[in-house]
C-alpha atoms as a PDB file:
ATOM      1  CA  UNK A   1      -8.026  -2.245 -10.699  1.00  0.00           C
ATOM      2  CA  UNK A   2      -4.914  -3.553  -8.967  1.00  0.00           C
ATOM      3  CA  UNK A   3      -4.533  -4.255  -5.286  1.00  0.00           C
ATOM      4  CA  UNK A   4      -1.067  -4.443  -3.771  1.00  0.00           C
ATOM      5  CA  UNK A   5      -0.649  -6.185  -0.450  1.00  0.00           C
ATOM      6  CA  UNK A   6       0.009  -9.462   1.325  1.00  0.00           C
ATOM      7  CA  UNK A   7      -2.645 -12.096   1.857  1.00  0.00           C
ATOM      8  CA  UNK A   8      -2.011 -12.402   5.605  1.00  0.00           C
ATOM      9  CA  UNK A   9      -2.557  -8.681   6.300  1.00  0.00           C
ATOM     10  CA  UNK A  10      -5.835  -7.920   8.103  1.00  0.00           C
ATOM     11  CA  UNK A  11      -6.490  -4.728   6.135  1.00  0.00           C
ATOM     12  CA  UNK A  12      -5.848  -6.515   2.844  1.00  0.00           C
ATOM     13  CA  UNK A  13      -8.234  -9.307   3.852  1.00  0.00           C
ATOM     14  CA  UNK A  14     -10.942  -6.734   4.594  1.00  0.00           C
ATOM     15  CA  UNK A  15     -10.371  -4.994   1.254  1.00  0.00           C
ATOM     16  CA  UNK A  16     -10.481  -8.251  -0.724  1.00  0.00           C
ATOM     17  CA  UNK A  17     -13.631  -9.364   1.105  1.00  0.00           C
ATOM     18  CA  UNK A  18     -15.241  -5.998   0.362  1.00  0.00           C
ATOM     19  CA  UNK A  19     -14.392  -6.204  -3.330  1.00  0.00           C
ATOM     20  CA  UNK A  20     -15.557  -9.812  -3.574  1.00  0.00           C
ATOM     21  CA  UNK A  21     -18.821  -9.011  -1.781  1.00  0.00           C
ATOM     22  CA  UNK A  22     -19.509  -6.193  -4.262  1.00  0.00           C
ATOM     23  CA  UNK A  23     -18.396  -8.251  -7.299  1.00  0.00           C
ATOM     24  CA  UNK A  24     -15.640  -5.761  -8.144  1.00  0.00           C
ATOM     25  CA  UNK A  25     -12.968  -7.264 -10.384  1.00  0.00           C
ATOM     26  CA  UNK A  26      -9.306  -6.761  -9.448  1.00  0.00           C
ATOM     27  CA  UNK A  27      -5.803  -8.072  -9.973  1.00  0.00           C
ATOM     28  CA  UNK A  28      -3.923  -8.883  -6.773  1.00  0.00           C
ATOM     29  CA  UNK A  29      -0.196  -8.153  -6.534  1.00  0.00           C
ATOM     30  CA  UNK A  30       1.462 -10.001  -3.652  1.00  0.00           C
ATOM     31  CA  UNK A  31       4.223  -7.779  -2.278  1.00  0.00           C
ATOM     32  CA  UNK A  32       5.982 -10.809  -0.807  1.00  0.00           C
ATOM     33  CA  UNK A  33       6.237 -12.479  -4.209  1.00  0.00           C
ATOM     34  CA  UNK A  34       6.567  -9.623  -6.700  1.00  0.00           C
ATOM     35  CA  UNK A  35       9.254  -6.960  -6.617  1.00  0.00           C
ATOM     36  CA  UNK A  36       7.855  -3.449  -6.531  1.00  0.00           C
ATOM     37  CA  UNK A  37       9.301  -1.095  -9.139  1.00  0.00           C
ATOM     38  CA  UNK A  38      10.437   2.481  -8.565  1.00  0.00           C
ATOM     39  CA  UNK A  39       8.084   3.618 -11.343  1.00  0.00           C
ATOM     40  CA  UNK A  40       5.136   2.125  -9.445  1.00  0.00           C
ATOM     41  CA  UNK A  41       6.041   3.941  -6.223  1.00  0.00           C
ATOM     42  CA  UNK A  42       6.575   7.179  -8.144  1.00  0.00           C
ATOM     43  CA  UNK A  43       3.139   6.771  -9.769  1.00  0.00           C
ATOM     44  CA  UNK A  44       1.555   6.307  -6.333  1.00  0.00           C
ATOM     45  CA  UNK A  45       3.347   9.374  -5.001  1.00  0.00           C
ATOM     46  CA  UNK A  46       1.750  11.492  -7.714  1.00  0.00           C
ATOM     47  CA  UNK A  47      -1.573  10.840  -5.942  1.00  0.00           C
ATOM     48  CA  UNK A  48      -0.730  10.309  -2.289  1.00  0.00           C
ATOM     49  CA  UNK A  49       1.921  11.705   0.092  1.00  0.00           C
ATOM     50  CA  UNK A  50       4.851   9.553   1.176  1.00  0.00           C
ATOM     51  CA  UNK A  51       3.666   9.883   4.797  1.00  0.00           C
ATOM     52  CA  UNK A  52       0.506   7.971   3.888  1.00  0.00           C
ATOM     53  CA  UNK A  53       2.343   5.281   1.924  1.00  0.00           C
ATOM     54  CA  UNK A  54       5.265   4.691   4.321  1.00  0.00           C
ATOM     55  CA  UNK A  55       4.026   2.587   7.223  1.00  0.00           C
ATOM     56  CA  UNK A  56       5.660   3.829  10.414  1.00  0.00           C
ATOM     57  CA  UNK A  57       3.419   1.557  12.501  1.00  0.00           C
ATOM     58  CA  UNK A  58       4.691  -1.704  11.009  1.00  0.00           C
ATOM     59  CA  UNK A  59       6.809  -4.285  12.787  1.00  0.00           C
ATOM     60  CA  UNK A  60       9.323  -3.965   9.952  1.00  0.00           C
ATOM     61  CA  UNK A  61       9.711  -0.239  10.671  1.00  0.00           C
ATOM     62  CA  UNK A  62      10.260  -0.931  14.380  1.00  0.00           C
ATOM     63  CA  UNK A  63      12.604  -3.890  13.814  1.00  0.00           C
ATOM     64  CA  UNK A  64      14.801  -1.917  11.416  1.00  0.00           C
ATOM     65  CA  UNK A  65      14.862   0.986  13.907  1.00  0.00           C
ATOM     66  CA  UNK A  66      14.087   3.425  11.102  1.00  0.00           C
ATOM     67  CA  UNK A  67      12.638   6.048  13.435  1.00  0.00           C
ATOM     68  CA  UNK A  68      16.133   6.710  14.716  1.00  0.00           C
ATOM     69  CA  UNK A  69      17.374   7.504  11.180  1.00  0.00           C
ATOM     70  CA  UNK A  70      15.030  10.485  10.611  1.00  0.00           C
ATOM     71  CA  UNK A  71      14.649   9.516   6.932  1.00  0.00           C
ATOM     72  CA  UNK A  72      14.190  12.001   4.109  1.00  0.00           C
ATOM     73  CA  UNK A  73      11.444  11.340   1.546  1.00  0.00           C
ATOM     74  CA  UNK A  74      14.064  10.017  -0.905  1.00  0.00           C
ATOM     75  CA  UNK A  75      15.414   7.628   1.716  1.00  0.00           C
ATOM     76  CA  UNK A  76      11.880   6.444   2.487  1.00  0.00           C
ATOM     77  CA  UNK A  77      11.405   5.593  -1.189  1.00  0.00           C
ATOM     78  CA  UNK A  78      14.678   3.629  -1.144  1.00  0.00           C
ATOM     79  CA  UNK A  79      13.452   1.692   1.899  1.00  0.00           C
ATOM     80  CA  UNK A  80      10.093   0.963   0.231  1.00  0.00           C
ATOM     81  CA  UNK A  81      11.997  -0.619  -2.656  1.00  0.00           C
ATOM     82  CA  UNK A  82      14.215  -2.689  -0.339  1.00  0.00           C
ATOM     83  CA  UNK A  83      11.511  -3.619   2.179  1.00  0.00           C
ATOM     84  CA  UNK A  84       8.033  -3.661   0.590  1.00  0.00           C
ATOM     85  CA  UNK A  85       6.558  -4.606   3.977  1.00  0.00           C
ATOM     86  CA  UNK A  86       7.030  -0.912   4.817  1.00  0.00           C
ATOM     87  CA  UNK A  87       4.263  -0.070   2.341  1.00  0.00           C
ATOM     88  CA  UNK A  88       0.981   0.632   4.092  1.00  0.00           C
ATOM     89  CA  UNK A  89      -1.528  -1.887   2.792  1.00  0.00           C
ATOM     90  CA  UNK A  90      -3.523  -2.344   0.758  1.00  0.00           C
ATOM     91  CA  UNK A  91      -2.696   0.026  -2.064  1.00  0.00           C
ATOM     92  CA  UNK A  92      -5.507   0.154  -4.613  1.00  0.00           C
ATOM     93  CA  UNK A  93      -4.806   1.536  -8.070  1.00  0.00           C
ATOM     94  CA  UNK A  94      -7.841   2.371 -10.146  1.00  0.00           C
ATOM     95  CA  UNK A  95      -7.548   4.550 -13.226  1.00  0.00           C
ATOM     96  CA  UNK A  96      -5.654   7.596 -11.965  1.00  0.00           C
ATOM     97  CA  UNK A  97      -6.665   7.189  -8.324  1.00  0.00           C
ATOM     98  CA  UNK A  98      -4.762   5.618  -5.438  1.00  0.00           C
ATOM     99  CA  UNK A  99      -6.231   4.518  -2.117  1.00  0.00           C
ATOM    100  CA  UNK A 100      -4.006   3.418   0.744  1.00  0.00           C
ATOM    101  CA  UNK A 101      -5.276   1.338   3.657  1.00  0.00           C
ATOM    102  CA  UNK A 102      -8.778   0.053   4.300  1.00  0.00           C
ATOM    103  CA  UNK A 103     -11.451   2.682   4.937  1.00  0.00           C
ATOM    104  CA  UNK A 104     -15.033   1.463   4.498  1.00  0.00           C
ATOM    105  CA  UNK A 105     -16.535   4.919   4.008  1.00  0.00           C
ATOM    106  CA  UNK A 106     -13.974   5.851   1.384  1.00  0.00           C
ATOM    107  CA  UNK A 107     -14.426   2.502  -0.391  1.00  0.00           C
ATOM    108  CA  UNK A 108     -18.206   3.030  -0.478  1.00  0.00           C
ATOM    109  CA  UNK A 109     -17.731   6.520  -1.877  1.00  0.00           C
ATOM    110  CA  UNK A 110     -15.047   5.711  -4.476  1.00  0.00           C
ATOM    111  CA  UNK A 111     -15.751   2.132  -5.527  1.00  0.00           C
ATOM    112  CA  UNK A 112     -19.528   1.750  -5.606  1.00  0.00           C
END
């Protein structure tokens, strides 16, 4: 299992605490320190829609004024590569499944 996120993000903190509390092993990928690859984003998009992955509620989205650009899905992918803080966090990769964000009910159902 891999978890992509940033350590200061509240949702990531909740996810890591959940996994630690349930003794679930994971590798953490810090999006501030490691460059995200196009192949990784494409793999995620095989399992989740771009609307779920692209965080339109982030400060980065607002600061870059991306709403005004009415981005296509391809342009959103380009922005995710340039600005990984636009990725909704955390992203959990496990086998062929992807979970985006922290949702306790879904974690209980999928991870336990």
